Amino acid sequence: MQSRTFSWSWSGFLALMLMAMALQCARAQDLKSFEQKITTKVLPNGLTLIVCERPEAPVFSYTTFIDAGDVNDPSGESGLAHMFEHLAFKGTSEIGTTDYAAEKVALAKVEEANNAYEAEYLKPVGRDPQKLAELKKAFVAAQAEAHKYVIPNQFTDVAERAGAHGLNASTGLDETMYFWSMPENRLELWAWLESGRLSDTVPREFYKERDVVVEERRMRTDSNPIGRLVEQFLATAYVAHNYGRSGVGWPSEVSQVSATEAMEFHKKYYVGSNVVVTVVGDVKASEALPILEKYFSKVPGGPKPEDMTTVEPKQFAEKTVVIREQTQPFYIEGYHRPNYRDPDDAVYDAIGDIMSNGRVSRLYRSLVRDQQIAAEAQGFSPFPGDKYPGLFAFYAVPLPGHTPTEMRDAIHKEIDNLKTADVTDEELAMYKTRSRADLLRGLADNQGLSNALAEYQTRYGDWRQLFLQLDRVDKVTKADIRRVANLVFTASNRTSAEIDTEAPHASEKKDGGAQ
């Protein structure tokens, strides 16, 4: 009688158990059950409202999702989408001011003074220093006059006194989001506040906020070696598409955008057809929708802004950026890949998970645990955005005594393994388990669900795609991973960037010793 040998491991058993648990949880939160809880309505102005009834606690969370971000900044006006996010917290004609009629006149004078100052400042020749100083003085005085009517932070104060929690916003390359949570009995107050800042925007304290954004750029990019490297990395990887521009804005542009330009951006992109508002929590659609319609119908209508038509041309040669300075070494590389609508989108997610998700991932085990050459190593995708074709990126932080070149070689070895041999059954199973678990974790939180519903409604025109994505995950095969790896991870499609640590100069060593 022939005996059989069975292969068994705790890790494989754990993967199967996690998969079974996730599937069991998913049945309780499947598409059909959510369809019974969610009501969708498109208003005459084109704005989409989504209400999800979830009465577990007497609170609700909301998301306002604007289908416009840094990538939509007009040429020469980088940083404008981010600027408008700041502006949205400054109030309206009804909140944030002691006398809007007088403030409106004062703000017009601020804009006139700014235009006069910038016209002189931007003269290529013949700039008059004395006149420039006088115009700057007049500009500062006009701002001070307008500020007399401002009630600082009244918008956020009203919201927070009414119980708003997690009040925040974010500007990404592809979108702008506003969100917070609130007691359910404050729904109408929230609708008044949120619809007001969408439809009744005032360019209050614009130039004060512009200075804040300029300082943000200085801290995050100009004074941050990795920030500078990544900015140059993207500018090198892209030659045509706006993903290659600075998200926070180029210094000469963000420091000169005007309130007039911000209001033009608002007029174009903050229209109903470009906005999705989701509410998740202890609300009844039959009671909430009349309130939401009353307020959000005030948002201007109009056609949805045209989509970007610029297509990044195929990269045909490897590109490299090297920065040499006295700081921590760093390595990053990226490969062009399609956007989120590509049939292989879930395959890219699988590669990212297998290469980088946790201590069992290939990059961690190889570079951090086994070779002990890196403090951190990961791959991630898409970067910097997903609405348009982005990059699949890898990075590593060398440990002392090791170099970016070692990081590059070690990462390439792991990429080659993907291209020449199938991933294991266990790796693929764990990716699918984690994908399902990540979705369930997001659905468990009102704010997470609100954000996801808004994003999927915007990106696909139907929030149901949030659940259907798991079908695409389940279909990923080992052959798909090898095929995509060989298609995308090629030298001619690669852009890399590194910081090479430079030794201190002799004079600096001497000065350091004297201290």
Protein backbone atom coordinates (compact mmCIF):
# COMPACT_ATOMS: atom_id res chain seq x y z
CA MET A 1 0.00 0.00 0.00
CA GLN A 2 1.39 3.35 -1.05
CA SER A 3 1.54 5.99 1.66
CA ARG A 4 0.69 9.69 1.06
CA THR A 5 2.58 12.64 2.43
CA PHE A 6 0.54 15.70 3.39
CA SER A 7 2.05 19.18 3.55
CA TRP A 8 0.59 21.31 6.34
CA SER A 9 1.55 24.57 8.04
CA TRP A 10 0.09 26.88 10.63
CA SER A 11 0.39 29.84 8.25
CA GLY A 12 -1.56 28.07 5.53
CA PHE A 13 -4.22 26.98 8.01
CA LEU A 14 -4.48 30.55 9.32
CA ALA A 15 -4.95 31.90 5.80
CA LEU A 16 -7.82 29.51 5.15
CA MET A 17 -9.48 30.33 8.49
CA LEU A 18 -9.22 34.09 7.87
CA MET A 19 -10.71 33.61 4.44
CA ALA A 20 -13.66 31.69 5.89
CA MET A 21 -14.25 34.30 8.59
CA ALA A 22 -14.13 37.15 6.07
CA LEU A 23 -16.60 35.37 3.80
CA GLN A 24 -18.95 34.82 6.73
CA CYS A 25 -18.80 38.52 7.70
CA ALA A 26 -19.31 39.58 4.10
CA ARG A 27 -22.62 37.73 3.93
CA ALA A 28 -23.94 40.03 6.66
CA GLN A 29 -22.78 43.09 4.74
CA ASP A 30 -23.42 42.16 1.15
CA LEU A 31 -24.63 44.34 -1.69
CA LYS A 32 -28.28 43.35 -1.33
CA SER A 33 -28.41 44.38 2.32
CA PHE A 34 -26.85 47.76 1.54
CA GLU A 35 -29.26 48.37 -1.32
CA GLN A 36 -32.04 48.24 1.26
CA LYS A 37 -30.31 50.90 3.39
CA ILE A 38 -29.12 53.32 0.68
CA THR A 39 -31.13 55.92 -1.19
CA THR A 40 -29.66 57.88 -4.10
CA LYS A 41 -31.11 61.03 -5.63
CA VAL A 42 -29.80 63.38 -8.32
CA LEU A 43 -31.04 66.96 -7.88
CA PRO A 44 -32.05 69.20 -10.82
CA ASN A 45 -28.68 71.02 -10.50
CA GLY A 46 -26.87 67.69 -11.09
CA LEU A 47 -25.66 67.19 -7.51
CA THR A 48 -25.92 63.57 -6.29
CA LEU A 49 -27.16 62.81 -2.78
CA ILE A 50 -26.63 59.41 -1.13
CA VAL A 51 -28.21 58.58 2.24
CA CYS A 52 -27.30 55.36 4.06
CA GLU A 53 -29.49 54.50 7.06
CA ARG A 54 -27.43 53.11 9.91
CA PRO A 55 -29.19 53.70 13.24
CA GLU A 56 -26.69 51.98 15.56
CA ALA A 57 -25.78 55.29 17.27
CA PRO A 58 -27.42 58.78 17.24
CA VAL A 59 -24.78 60.32 14.95
CA PHE A 60 -24.08 60.70 11.25
CA SER A 61 -21.00 61.24 9.12
CA TYR A 62 -20.90 62.97 5.78
CA THR A 63 -18.59 63.43 2.82
CA THR A 64 -18.69 66.12 0.16
CA PHE A 65 -16.65 64.80 -2.77
CA ILE A 66 -15.58 67.28 -5.44
CA ASP A 67 -14.30 65.67 -8.64
CA ALA A 68 -11.41 68.11 -8.91
CA GLY A 69 -8.01 68.33 -7.25
CA ASP A 70 -4.46 69.53 -7.80
CA VAL A 71 -4.34 67.93 -11.25
CA ASN A 72 -7.05 70.40 -12.35
CA ASP A 73 -5.09 73.51 -11.40
CA PRO A 74 -4.92 75.75 -14.49
CA SER A 75 -1.55 76.20 -16.16
CA GLY A 76 0.50 78.72 -14.21
CA GLU A 77 -1.77 78.42 -11.15
CA SER A 78 -0.53 75.26 -9.40
CA GLY A 79 -1.73 74.99 -5.82
CA LEU A 80 -5.10 76.59 -6.56
CA ALA A 81 -7.29 73.58 -5.62
CA HIS A 82 -5.49 73.37 -2.28
CA MET A 83 -5.96 77.12 -1.80
CA PHE A 84 -9.68 76.81 -2.32
CA GLU A 85 -9.91 74.05 0.28
CA HIS A 86 -8.50 76.55 2.80
CA LEU A 87 -10.94 79.19 1.59
CA ALA A 88 -13.92 76.90 2.17
CA PHE A 89 -13.43 77.16 5.94
CA LYS A 90 -13.61 80.96 5.98
CA GLY A 91 -17.40 81.19 5.96
CA THR A 92 -20.03 82.74 3.71
CA SER A 93 -21.95 85.99 3.38
CA GLU A 94 -23.97 84.87 6.42
CA ILE A 95 -21.29 83.45 8.67
CA GLY A 96 -17.81 84.76 9.46
CA THR A 97 -18.60 88.46 9.03
CA THR A 98 -20.03 91.36 11.04
CA ASP A 99 -21.18 93.28 7.96
CA TYR A 100 -20.95 91.49 4.62
CA ALA A 101 -22.08 94.47 2.53
CA ALA A 102 -19.16 96.54 3.80
CA GLU A 103 -16.79 93.58 3.74
CA LYS A 104 -17.59 92.91 0.09
CA VAL A 105 -16.50 96.43 -0.83
CA ALA A 106 -13.33 96.05 1.24
CA LEU A 107 -12.48 92.71 -0.40
CA ALA A 108 -12.81 94.27 -3.85
CA LYS A 109 -10.26 96.88 -2.77
CA VAL A 110 -7.94 94.13 -1.55
CA GLU A 111 -8.07 92.54 -4.99
CA GLU A 112 -7.39 95.86 -6.72
CA ALA A 113 -4.39 96.47 -4.45
CA ASN A 114 -3.04 92.96 -5.07
CA ASN A 115 -3.38 93.34 -8.84
CA ALA A 116 -1.54 96.67 -8.79
CA TYR A 117 1.26 95.28 -6.63
CA GLU A 118 1.74 92.14 -8.72
CA ALA A 119 1.69 94.10 -11.98
CA GLU A 120 4.67 96.09 -10.77
CA TYR A 121 6.40 93.11 -9.15
CA LEU A 122 6.18 91.00 -12.32
CA LYS A 123 7.63 93.61 -14.67
CA PRO A 124 10.53 91.93 -16.50
CA VAL A 125 12.35 95.28 -16.75
CA GLY A 126 11.88 98.74 -15.30
CA ARG A 127 10.54 97.70 -11.89
CA ASP A 128 10.45 100.73 -9.56
CA PRO A 129 11.53 99.66 -6.02
CA GLN A 130 9.97 102.72 -4.38
CA LYS A 131 6.66 102.28 -6.19
CA LEU A 132 6.71 98.56 -5.37
CA ALA A 133 7.13 99.35 -1.66
CA GLU A 134 4.23 101.80 -1.77
CA LEU A 135 1.99 99.31 -3.55
CA LYS A 136 2.91 96.60 -1.02
CA LYS A 137 2.04 98.98 1.80
CA ALA A 138 -1.34 99.75 0.19
CA PHE A 139 -2.00 96.03 -0.26
CA VAL A 140 -1.29 95.32 3.41
CA ALA A 141 -3.50 98.23 4.47
CA ALA A 142 -6.38 96.99 2.29
CA GLN A 143 -6.16 93.55 3.90
CA ALA A 144 -6.21 95.12 7.37
CA GLU A 145 -9.32 97.11 6.46
CA ALA A 146 -11.14 94.01 5.19
CA HIS A 147 -10.11 92.06 8.28
CA LYS A 148 -12.10 94.48 10.49
CA TYR A 149 -15.28 92.71 9.39
CA VAL A 150 -14.03 89.15 9.95
CA ILE A 151 -15.23 86.93 12.77
CA PRO A 152 -12.27 84.51 12.87
CA ASN A 153 -13.04 80.79 12.65
CA GLN A 154 -16.79 81.29 13.07
CA PHE A 155 -17.62 78.53 10.58
CA THR A 156 -15.68 75.87 12.50
CA ASP A 157 -16.76 77.28 15.88
CA VAL A 158 -20.46 76.94 14.99
CA ALA A 159 -19.95 73.38 13.75
CA GLU A 160 -17.90 72.27 16.75
CA ARG A 161 -20.26 73.86 19.29
CA ALA A 162 -23.02 71.80 17.67
CA GLY A 163 -21.00 68.62 18.21
CA ALA A 164 -19.00 68.31 14.98
CA HIS A 165 -16.17 65.79 15.37
CA GLY A 166 -13.28 65.14 13.02
CA LEU A 167 -13.95 68.34 11.09
CA ASN A 168 -11.48 68.33 8.23
CA ALA A 169 -10.84 68.35 4.50
CA SER A 170 -8.24 67.03 2.07
CA THR A 171 -7.06 68.02 -1.37
CA GLY A 172 -5.67 65.17 -3.44
CA LEU A 173 -4.44 65.18 -6.99
CA ASP A 174 -7.79 63.84 -8.23
CA GLU A 175 -10.37 65.13 -5.74
CA THR A 176 -11.21 67.44 -2.86
CA MET A 177 -13.11 66.08 0.14
CA TYR A 178 -14.85 67.76 3.10
CA PHE A 179 -16.05 65.66 6.04
CA TRP A 180 -16.99 65.43 9.68
CA SER A 181 -19.36 63.59 12.05
CA MET A 182 -22.21 65.15 14.04
CA PRO A 183 -25.18 64.32 16.31
CA GLU A 184 -28.18 63.25 14.22
CA ASN A 185 -30.34 66.12 15.56
CA ARG A 186 -27.98 68.63 13.93
CA LEU A 187 -28.61 67.44 10.37
CA GLU A 188 -30.30 70.63 9.20
CA LEU A 189 -27.62 72.86 10.73
CA TRP A 190 -24.97 70.80 8.93
CA ALA A 191 -26.88 71.03 5.61
CA TRP A 192 -27.04 74.82 5.97
CA LEU A 193 -23.32 75.09 6.77
CA GLU A 194 -22.10 72.70 4.08
CA SER A 195 -24.35 73.87 1.26
CA GLY A 196 -23.51 77.46 2.16
CA ARG A 197 -19.80 77.09 1.67
CA LEU A 198 -20.41 75.35 -1.66
CA SER A 199 -22.85 77.93 -3.04
CA ASP A 200 -22.03 81.15 -1.16
CA THR A 201 -18.24 81.26 -1.02
CA VAL A 202 -16.49 84.44 0.06
CA PRO A 203 -12.74 84.99 -0.65
CA ARG A 204 -12.21 86.01 2.98
CA GLU A 205 -8.62 86.23 4.28
CA PHE A 206 -7.43 84.71 1.00
CA TYR A 207 -3.95 86.21 1.04
CA LYS A 208 -3.41 85.30 4.68
CA GLU A 209 -4.19 81.68 3.76
CA ARG A 210 -1.95 81.94 0.71
CA ASP A 211 0.94 82.68 3.06
CA VAL A 212 -0.03 79.58 5.09
CA VAL A 213 0.10 77.40 1.97
CA VAL A 214 3.46 78.88 0.97
CA GLU A 215 4.76 77.95 4.43
CA GLU A 216 3.30 74.43 4.04
CA ARG A 217 5.27 74.06 0.84
CA ARG A 218 8.43 75.26 2.55
CA MET A 219 8.02 72.72 5.35
CA ARG A 220 6.85 69.69 3.33
CA THR A 221 8.98 70.12 0.23
CA ASP A 222 11.64 72.81 0.25
CA SER A 223 12.96 71.89 3.72
CA ASN A 224 12.36 68.15 3.35
CA PRO A 225 14.98 66.17 1.37
CA ILE A 226 12.56 63.34 0.54
CA GLY A 227 9.87 65.87 -0.38
CA ARG A 228 12.26 67.53 -2.82
CA LEU A 229 13.33 64.16 -4.21
CA VAL A 230 9.78 62.94 -4.80
CA GLU A 231 8.83 66.22 -6.47
CA GLN A 232 11.77 65.87 -8.88
CA PHE A 233 11.02 62.16 -9.33
CA LEU A 234 7.47 62.88 -10.54
CA ALA A 235 8.56 65.82 -12.66
CA THR A 236 11.01 63.45 -14.40
CA ALA A 237 8.60 60.52 -14.76
CA TYR A 238 5.97 62.71 -16.48
CA VAL A 239 6.66 64.88 -19.50
CA ALA A 240 3.09 65.85 -20.49
CA HIS A 241 0.51 64.99 -17.85
CA ASN A 242 -0.24 67.18 -14.82
CA TYR A 243 0.74 64.36 -12.45
CA GLY A 244 4.27 65.64 -13.03
CA ARG A 245 3.50 69.03 -11.48
CA SER A 246 3.98 69.91 -7.84
CA GLY A 247 0.82 69.06 -5.94
CA VAL A 248 1.28 71.78 -3.36
CA GLY A 249 2.28 74.19 -6.14
CA TRP A 250 5.50 75.52 -7.64
CA PRO A 251 6.88 78.38 -5.49
CA SER A 252 6.55 81.08 -8.16
CA GLU A 253 2.93 80.10 -8.84
CA VAL A 254 1.41 79.32 -5.45
CA SER A 255 2.83 82.60 -4.11
CA GLN A 256 1.01 84.58 -6.81
CA VAL A 257 -2.41 82.96 -7.21
CA SER A 258 -5.17 85.47 -6.56
CA ALA A 259 -8.62 85.43 -4.99
CA THR A 260 -10.09 86.14 -8.42
CA GLU A 261 -8.44 82.99 -9.81
CA ALA A 262 -9.69 80.96 -6.84
CA MET A 263 -13.25 82.10 -7.43
CA GLU A 264 -12.96 81.20 -11.12
CA PHE A 265 -11.80 77.72 -10.09
CA HIS A 266 -14.84 77.47 -7.80
CA LYS A 267 -17.19 78.62 -10.56
CA LYS A 268 -15.89 75.92 -12.90
CA TYR A 269 -15.53 72.90 -10.60
CA TYR A 270 -17.92 73.46 -7.67
CA VAL A 271 -21.05 72.83 -9.73
CA GLY A 272 -23.72 70.29 -8.87
CA SER A 273 -22.79 67.84 -11.61
CA ASN A 274 -19.26 67.65 -10.17
CA VAL A 275 -20.31 67.06 -6.56
CA VAL A 276 -21.45 63.98 -4.61
CA VAL A 277 -22.68 64.36 -1.01
CA THR A 278 -23.08 61.25 1.14
CA VAL A 279 -24.65 60.95 4.61
CA VAL A 280 -24.25 57.77 6.66
CA GLY A 281 -25.69 57.17 10.13
CA ASP A 282 -28.81 57.58 12.23
CA VAL A 283 -30.90 59.24 9.52
CA LYS A 284 -34.03 58.20 7.66
CA ALA A 285 -33.92 58.90 3.94
CA SER A 286 -37.60 59.87 3.89
CA GLU A 287 -36.95 62.59 6.47
CA ALA A 288 -33.43 63.61 5.48
CA LEU A 289 -33.81 63.99 1.71
CA PRO A 290 -36.32 66.90 1.84
CA ILE A 291 -33.87 68.78 4.10
CA LEU A 292 -30.90 68.00 1.87
CA GLU A 293 -32.80 68.97 -1.28
CA LYS A 294 -33.83 72.28 0.30
CA TYR A 295 -30.24 73.33 0.96
CA PHE A 296 -28.10 71.58 -1.66
CA SER A 297 -30.37 72.69 -4.50
CA LYS A 298 -28.74 76.10 -3.97
CA VAL A 299 -25.44 74.80 -5.35
CA PRO A 300 -25.01 76.22 -8.89
CA GLY A 301 -25.84 73.87 -11.73
CA GLY A 302 -24.15 73.62 -15.09
CA PRO A 303 -22.39 70.98 -17.17
CA LYS A 304 -19.76 68.74 -15.62
CA PRO A 305 -16.30 70.19 -16.38
CA GLU A 306 -14.55 68.58 -19.31
CA ASP A 307 -12.17 65.77 -18.39
CA MET A 308 -8.45 66.11 -18.99
CA THR A 309 -7.51 64.92 -22.47
CA THR A 310 -3.71 65.02 -22.12
CA VAL A 311 -2.28 61.51 -22.35
CA GLU A 312 1.21 60.79 -21.04
CA PRO A 313 3.23 59.40 -23.97
CA LYS A 314 4.85 56.00 -23.67
CA GLN A 315 8.20 56.15 -21.92
CA PHE A 316 10.92 54.65 -24.12
CA ALA A 317 14.09 55.15 -22.05
CA GLU A 318 15.03 54.78 -18.40
CA LYS A 319 15.30 58.07 -16.50
CA THR A 320 17.23 58.79 -13.32
CA VAL A 321 17.40 61.59 -10.74
CA VAL A 322 20.30 61.81 -8.29
CA ILE A 323 20.44 64.32 -5.42
CA ARG A 324 23.68 64.57 -3.48
CA GLU A 325 23.52 66.18 -0.07
CA GLN A 326 24.29 65.56 3.59
CA THR A 327 21.18 63.69 4.60
CA GLN A 328 19.66 60.22 4.92
CA PRO A 329 20.05 58.18 1.70
CA PHE A 330 16.85 57.14 -0.03
CA TYR A 331 15.82 55.25 -3.15
CA ILE A 332 12.56 55.27 -5.14
CA GLU A 333 11.61 54.00 -8.58
CA GLY A 334 8.37 53.93 -10.54
CA TYR A 335 6.86 52.24 -13.60
CA HIS A 336 3.99 53.69 -15.63
CA ARG A 337 0.73 51.75 -15.27
CA PRO A 338 -2.90 52.28 -16.39
CA ASN A 339 -5.59 53.95 -14.27
CA TYR A 340 -8.18 52.36 -11.97
CA ARG A 341 -10.51 51.39 -14.82
CA ASP A 342 -7.95 49.02 -16.35
CA PRO A 343 -9.03 45.34 -16.25
CA ASP A 344 -5.77 44.51 -14.44
CA ASP A 345 -6.26 47.03 -11.63
CA ALA A 346 -6.79 44.25 -9.07
CA VAL A 347 -3.63 42.53 -10.32
CA TYR A 348 -1.58 45.62 -9.46
CA ASP A 349 -3.19 45.55 -6.00
CA ALA A 350 -2.17 41.92 -5.64
CA ILE A 351 1.44 42.70 -6.54
CA GLY A 352 1.51 45.56 -4.04
CA ASP A 353 0.10 43.35 -1.31
CA ILE A 354 2.44 40.42 -1.91
CA MET A 355 5.50 42.64 -2.16
CA SER A 356 4.75 45.01 0.71
CA ASN A 357 1.92 44.11 3.10
CA GLY A 358 3.45 43.52 6.51
CA ARG A 359 6.31 41.45 7.84
CA VAL A 360 5.49 38.47 5.65
CA SER A 361 5.82 40.52 2.47
CA ARG A 362 8.64 39.80 0.07
CA LEU A 363 10.40 43.17 0.32
CA TYR A 364 10.35 43.18 4.11
CA ARG A 365 11.60 39.62 4.41
CA SER A 366 14.38 40.15 1.87
CA LEU A 367 15.69 43.68 2.50
CA VAL A 368 14.78 44.25 6.14
CA ARG A 369 14.78 40.84 7.84
CA ASP A 370 17.16 38.60 5.90
CA GLN A 371 19.75 40.89 4.30
CA GLN A 372 19.38 43.61 6.96
CA ILE A 373 20.30 46.34 4.50
CA ALA A 374 17.15 48.49 4.76
CA ALA A 375 15.15 50.05 7.57
CA GLU A 376 12.06 50.02 5.38
CA ALA A 377 11.11 48.78 1.90
CA GLN A 378 7.74 48.88 0.17
CA GLY A 379 5.93 48.97 -3.13
CA PHE A 380 2.70 50.87 -3.68
CA SER A 381 0.31 51.69 -6.48
CA PRO A 382 -1.13 53.80 -7.95
CA PHE A 383 1.03 56.86 -7.35
CA PRO A 384 0.60 59.83 -7.32
CA GLY A 385 -3.09 59.42 -8.31
CA ASP A 386 -5.45 56.85 -9.77
CA LYS A 387 -7.97 58.79 -11.89
CA TYR A 388 -5.39 58.92 -14.67
CA PRO A 389 -2.54 56.52 -15.50
CA GLY A 390 -0.07 56.58 -12.61
CA LEU A 391 3.02 54.76 -11.40
CA PHE A 392 3.74 51.52 -9.60
CA ALA A 393 6.46 52.67 -7.19
CA PHE A 394 8.99 50.95 -4.93
CA TYR A 395 11.14 52.59 -2.30
CA ALA A 396 13.70 51.62 0.33
CA VAL A 397 15.53 53.41 3.13
CA PRO A 398 19.09 52.07 3.53
CA LEU A 399 20.50 51.24 6.94
CA PRO A 400 23.81 52.93 7.88
CA GLY A 401 26.63 51.60 5.73
CA HIS A 402 24.37 50.68 2.83
CA THR A 403 23.61 52.57 -0.35
CA PRO A 404 20.75 53.36 -2.75
CA THR A 405 22.46 51.14 -5.31
CA GLU A 406 22.08 48.16 -2.98
CA MET A 407 18.40 49.03 -2.55
CA ARG A 408 17.94 49.19 -6.31
CA ASP A 409 19.61 45.82 -6.89
CA ALA A 410 17.67 44.11 -4.10
CA ILE A 411 14.32 45.48 -5.30
CA HIS A 412 15.08 44.41 -8.87
CA LYS A 413 15.88 40.90 -7.67
CA GLU A 414 12.45 40.64 -6.06
CA ILE A 415 10.77 42.06 -9.17
CA ASP A 416 12.59 39.49 -11.31
CA ASN A 417 11.27 36.75 -9.06
CA LEU A 418 7.74 37.93 -9.82
CA LYS A 419 8.47 37.79 -13.53
CA THR A 420 10.06 34.35 -13.61
CA ALA A 421 8.15 32.30 -11.01
CA ASP A 422 4.56 32.14 -9.83
CA VAL A 423 3.63 33.51 -6.43
CA THR A 424 2.55 30.85 -3.96
CA ASP A 425 -1.02 29.73 -3.37
CA GLU A 426 -0.72 31.04 0.17
CA GLU A 427 0.42 34.52 -0.95
CA LEU A 428 -2.46 34.82 -3.38
CA ALA A 429 -4.98 33.57 -0.81
CA MET A 430 -3.74 36.02 1.81
CA TYR A 431 -4.06 38.93 -0.67
CA LYS A 432 -7.69 38.05 -1.32
CA THR A 433 -8.40 37.62 2.38
CA ARG A 434 -6.84 40.97 3.27
CA SER A 435 -8.71 42.74 0.45
CA ARG A 436 -12.01 41.48 1.78
CA ALA A 437 -11.04 42.31 5.37
CA ASP A 438 -9.97 45.84 4.38
CA LEU A 439 -13.33 46.42 2.72
CA LEU A 440 -15.20 45.15 5.79
CA ARG A 441 -13.17 47.38 8.10
CA GLY A 442 -14.01 50.38 5.94
CA LEU A 443 -17.71 49.53 5.97
CA ALA A 444 -17.75 49.22 9.76
CA ASP A 445 -17.04 52.92 10.24
CA ASN A 446 -19.61 55.57 9.24
CA GLN A 447 -16.98 57.99 7.96
CA GLY A 448 -15.10 55.31 6.05
CA LEU A 449 -18.29 54.10 4.41
CA SER A 450 -19.33 57.66 3.59
CA ASN A 451 -15.99 58.37 1.94
CA ALA A 452 -16.08 55.12 -0.04
CA LEU A 453 -19.65 55.62 -1.28
CA ALA A 454 -18.83 59.13 -2.46
CA GLU A 455 -15.65 58.04 -4.23
CA TYR A 456 -17.17 55.05 -6.00
CA GLN A 457 -20.26 57.02 -7.03
CA THR A 458 -17.98 59.66 -8.54
CA ARG A 459 -15.49 57.32 -10.19
CA TYR A 460 -17.93 54.72 -11.56
CA GLY A 461 -21.27 56.51 -11.51
CA ASP A 462 -22.59 53.82 -9.17
CA TRP A 463 -21.68 53.21 -5.52
CA ARG A 464 -22.40 49.48 -5.99
CA GLN A 465 -18.97 49.07 -7.59
CA LEU A 466 -17.60 49.29 -4.06
CA PHE A 467 -18.88 45.75 -3.49
CA LEU A 468 -18.35 44.42 -7.00
CA GLN A 469 -14.61 45.09 -6.71
CA LEU A 470 -14.29 41.87 -4.70
CA ASP A 471 -15.33 39.91 -7.77
CA ARG A 472 -12.32 41.34 -9.59
CA VAL A 473 -10.09 40.48 -6.64
CA ASP A 474 -11.30 36.87 -6.61
CA LYS A 475 -10.50 36.47 -10.31
CA VAL A 476 -6.80 37.38 -9.98
CA THR A 477 -4.56 34.41 -10.84
CA LYS A 478 -0.88 33.63 -10.45
CA ALA A 479 -0.53 33.79 -14.23
CA ASP A 480 -2.01 37.32 -14.19
CA ILE A 481 0.67 38.47 -11.77
CA ARG A 482 3.51 37.09 -13.90
CA ARG A 483 1.99 38.58 -17.07
CA VAL A 484 1.56 42.08 -15.63
CA ALA A 485 4.99 42.04 -13.97
CA ASN A 486 6.66 41.23 -17.30
CA LEU A 487 4.57 43.82 -19.12
CA VAL A 488 5.15 46.76 -16.78
CA PHE A 489 8.39 46.26 -14.85
CA THR A 490 10.83 46.94 -17.69
CA ALA A 491 13.90 49.17 -17.72
CA SER A 492 12.58 51.42 -20.49
CA ASN A 493 9.44 52.07 -18.42
CA ARG A 494 11.37 52.92 -15.26
CA THR A 495 12.15 56.25 -13.59
CA SER A 496 14.33 56.16 -10.48
CA ALA A 497 15.48 58.77 -7.99
CA GLU A 498 17.90 58.60 -5.11
CA ILE A 499 19.56 60.65 -2.43
CA ASP A 500 23.27 59.89 -2.22
CA THR A 501 24.70 61.01 1.10
CA GLU A 502 27.46 63.51 0.59
CA ALA A 503 30.33 63.75 3.07
CA PRO A 504 30.70 67.10 4.90
CA HIS A 505 33.13 69.53 3.34
CA ALA A 506 36.42 70.12 5.09
CA SER A 507 35.37 73.57 6.34
CA GLU A 508 32.15 72.12 7.81
CA LYS A 509 34.09 69.37 9.59
CA LYS A 510 36.34 72.01 11.10
CA ASP A 511 33.42 74.15 12.22
CA GLY A 512 31.74 71.08 13.67
CA GLY A 513 34.88 70.19 15.61
CA ALA A 514 35.15 73.71 17.02
CA GLN A 515 31.69 73.40 18.49
